[in-house]
């Protein structure tokens, strides 16, 4: 059977770094965020919302799944978000992210 790999992602971080030279515009402190659904409408934006709700700063979360013919229906979004949530919690427990 043919399998399809789907990878959705979301990131969220604040720009930081060395203050710019005089006369150079900067965006230090500005929140940057984006996401992609990879064909599963709303999956990336739900992950982005999760990053926001968990107040994650400085992370990119990617969840991949392989479609092998079994339809998961709407519960796939809960599964995707639960995997992302568990990953974020584990990263925080190990001091990889704030």
C-alpha atoms as a PDB file:
ATOM      1  CA  UNK A   1       0.000   0.000   0.000  1.00  0.00           C
ATOM      2  CA  UNK A   2       1.105   3.565  -0.658  1.00  0.00           C
ATOM      3  CA  UNK A   3       2.010   5.679   2.363  1.00  0.00           C
ATOM      4  CA  UNK A   4       1.960   9.441   2.584  1.00  0.00           C
ATOM      5  CA  UNK A   5       4.124  11.349   5.063  1.00  0.00           C
ATOM      6  CA  UNK A   6       2.631  14.537   6.462  1.00  0.00           C
ATOM      7  CA  UNK A   7       4.695  16.979   8.533  1.00  0.00           C
ATOM      8  CA  UNK A   8       3.113  19.926  10.238  1.00  0.00           C
ATOM      9  CA  UNK A   9       5.113  22.499  12.130  1.00  0.00           C
ATOM     10  CA  UNK A  10       4.893  25.657  14.206  1.00  0.00           C
ATOM     11  CA  UNK A  11       7.518  27.953  15.684  1.00  0.00           C
ATOM     12  CA  UNK A  12       7.527  30.834  18.125  1.00  0.00           C
ATOM     13  CA  UNK A  13      10.422  32.974  19.361  1.00  0.00           C
ATOM     14  CA  UNK A  14      11.382  36.486  20.308  1.00  0.00           C
ATOM     15  CA  UNK A  15      14.192  38.164  18.435  1.00  0.00           C
ATOM     16  CA  UNK A  16      17.155  38.778  20.721  1.00  0.00           C
ATOM     17  CA  UNK A  17      20.818  39.448  20.345  1.00  0.00           C
ATOM     18  CA  UNK A  18      23.437  42.159  20.333  1.00  0.00           C
ATOM     19  CA  UNK A  19      22.064  45.710  20.024  1.00  0.00           C
ATOM     20  CA  UNK A  20      22.496  46.976  16.459  1.00  0.00           C
ATOM     21  CA  UNK A  21      24.999  49.551  15.332  1.00  0.00           C
ATOM     22  CA  UNK A  22      23.856  53.144  15.254  1.00  0.00           C
ATOM     23  CA  UNK A  23      21.468  53.852  12.409  1.00  0.00           C
ATOM     24  CA  UNK A  24      20.547  50.167  11.862  1.00  0.00           C
ATOM     25  CA  UNK A  25      16.928  49.223  12.450  1.00  0.00           C
ATOM     26  CA  UNK A  26      16.277  46.292  14.754  1.00  0.00           C
ATOM     27  CA  UNK A  27      13.417  44.077  15.786  1.00  0.00           C
ATOM     28  CA  UNK A  28      14.831  42.918  19.131  1.00  0.00           C
ATOM     29  CA  UNK A  29      12.021  41.722  21.368  1.00  0.00           C
ATOM     30  CA  UNK A  30       9.584  41.231  18.483  1.00  0.00           C
ATOM     31  CA  UNK A  31       7.638  37.965  18.535  1.00  0.00           C
ATOM     32  CA  UNK A  32       8.097  35.843  15.417  1.00  0.00           C
ATOM     33  CA  UNK A  33       5.786  32.913  14.719  1.00  0.00           C
ATOM     34  CA  UNK A  34       4.496  30.853  11.815  1.00  0.00           C
ATOM     35  CA  UNK A  35       3.102  27.416  11.031  1.00  0.00           C
ATOM     36  CA  UNK A  36       2.303  25.031   8.197  1.00  0.00           C
ATOM     37  CA  UNK A  37      -0.437  22.404   7.896  1.00  0.00           C
ATOM     38  CA  UNK A  38       1.096  20.268   5.136  1.00  0.00           C
ATOM     39  CA  UNK A  39      -2.356  19.552   3.724  1.00  0.00           C
ATOM     40  CA  UNK A  40      -4.161  18.901   7.015  1.00  0.00           C
ATOM     41  CA  UNK A  41      -6.233  22.060   7.342  1.00  0.00           C
ATOM     42  CA  UNK A  42      -5.773  23.629  10.750  1.00  0.00           C
ATOM     43  CA  UNK A  43      -3.139  21.244  12.144  1.00  0.00           C
ATOM     44  CA  UNK A  44      -0.284  23.772  12.071  1.00  0.00           C
ATOM     45  CA  UNK A  45      -2.423  26.606  13.412  1.00  0.00           C
ATOM     46  CA  UNK A  46      -3.626  24.381  16.275  1.00  0.00           C
ATOM     47  CA  UNK A  47       0.021  23.673  17.135  1.00  0.00           C
ATOM     48  CA  UNK A  48       0.792  27.410  16.944  1.00  0.00           C
ATOM     49  CA  UNK A  49      -2.087  28.059  19.343  1.00  0.00           C
ATOM     50  CA  UNK A  50      -0.665  25.411  21.684  1.00  0.00           C
ATOM     51  CA  UNK A  51       2.738  27.176  21.653  1.00  0.00           C
ATOM     52  CA  UNK A  52       0.955  30.429  22.501  1.00  0.00           C
ATOM     53  CA  UNK A  53      -1.157  28.895  25.301  1.00  0.00           C
ATOM     54  CA  UNK A  54       1.911  27.208  26.829  1.00  0.00           C
ATOM     55  CA  UNK A  55       3.852  30.498  26.468  1.00  0.00           C
ATOM     56  CA  UNK A  56       6.672  28.774  24.589  1.00  0.00           C
ATOM     57  CA  UNK A  57       9.549  30.976  23.478  1.00  0.00           C
ATOM     58  CA  UNK A  58      12.369  29.759  21.266  1.00  0.00           C
ATOM     59  CA  UNK A  59      11.005  26.547  19.799  1.00  0.00           C
ATOM     60  CA  UNK A  60      10.158  24.840  16.541  1.00  0.00           C
ATOM     61  CA  UNK A  61       7.853  21.845  16.881  1.00  0.00           C
ATOM     62  CA  UNK A  62       7.413  19.387  14.008  1.00  0.00           C
ATOM     63  CA  UNK A  63       4.960  16.493  14.120  1.00  0.00           C
ATOM     64  CA  UNK A  64       5.067  13.928  11.324  1.00  0.00           C
ATOM     65  CA  UNK A  65       2.628  11.173  10.654  1.00  0.00           C
ATOM     66  CA  UNK A  66       2.339   8.560   7.993  1.00  0.00           C
ATOM     67  CA  UNK A  67      -0.997   7.904   6.380  1.00  0.00           C
ATOM     68  CA  UNK A  68      -1.280   4.221   5.656  1.00  0.00           C
ATOM     69  CA  UNK A  69      -4.946   3.995   4.722  1.00  0.00           C
ATOM     70  CA  UNK A  70      -6.718   4.181   8.094  1.00  0.00           C
ATOM     71  CA  UNK A  71      -8.779   7.345   8.419  1.00  0.00           C
ATOM     72  CA  UNK A  72      -8.421   8.928  11.870  1.00  0.00           C
ATOM     73  CA  UNK A  73     -10.992  11.650  11.286  1.00  0.00           C
ATOM     74  CA  UNK A  74     -11.058  14.763  13.459  1.00  0.00           C
ATOM     75  CA  UNK A  75      -9.356  12.968  16.374  1.00  0.00           C
ATOM     76  CA  UNK A  76      -6.074  13.228  14.451  1.00  0.00           C
ATOM     77  CA  UNK A  77      -5.862  16.889  15.538  1.00  0.00           C
ATOM     78  CA  UNK A  78      -6.071  15.889  19.207  1.00  0.00           C
ATOM     79  CA  UNK A  79      -3.398  13.245  18.620  1.00  0.00           C
ATOM     80  CA  UNK A  80      -1.119  15.755  16.855  1.00  0.00           C
ATOM     81  CA  UNK A  81      -1.560  18.337  19.630  1.00  0.00           C
ATOM     82  CA  UNK A  82      -1.039  15.767  22.378  1.00  0.00           C
ATOM     83  CA  UNK A  83       2.245  14.654  20.792  1.00  0.00           C
ATOM     84  CA  UNK A  84       3.359  18.297  20.518  1.00  0.00           C
ATOM     85  CA  UNK A  85       2.288  19.038  24.134  1.00  0.00           C
ATOM     86  CA  UNK A  86       4.155  16.001  25.488  1.00  0.00           C
ATOM     87  CA  UNK A  87       7.255  17.026  23.536  1.00  0.00           C
ATOM     88  CA  UNK A  88       7.136  20.590  24.915  1.00  0.00           C
ATOM     89  CA  UNK A  89       6.711  19.314  28.472  1.00  0.00           C
ATOM     90  CA  UNK A  90       9.658  16.944  28.057  1.00  0.00           C
ATOM     91  CA  UNK A  91      11.811  19.739  26.603  1.00  0.00           C
ATOM     92  CA  UNK A  92      10.957  21.979  29.564  1.00  0.00           C
ATOM     93  CA  UNK A  93      11.721  19.214  32.063  1.00  0.00           C
ATOM     94  CA  UNK A  94      15.163  18.866  30.471  1.00  0.00           C
ATOM     95  CA  UNK A  95      15.731  22.654  30.284  1.00  0.00           C
ATOM     96  CA  UNK A  96      15.856  22.730  26.478  1.00  0.00           C
ATOM     97  CA  UNK A  97      13.205  25.473  26.318  1.00  0.00           C
ATOM     98  CA  UNK A  98      11.563  27.892  28.743  1.00  0.00           C
END
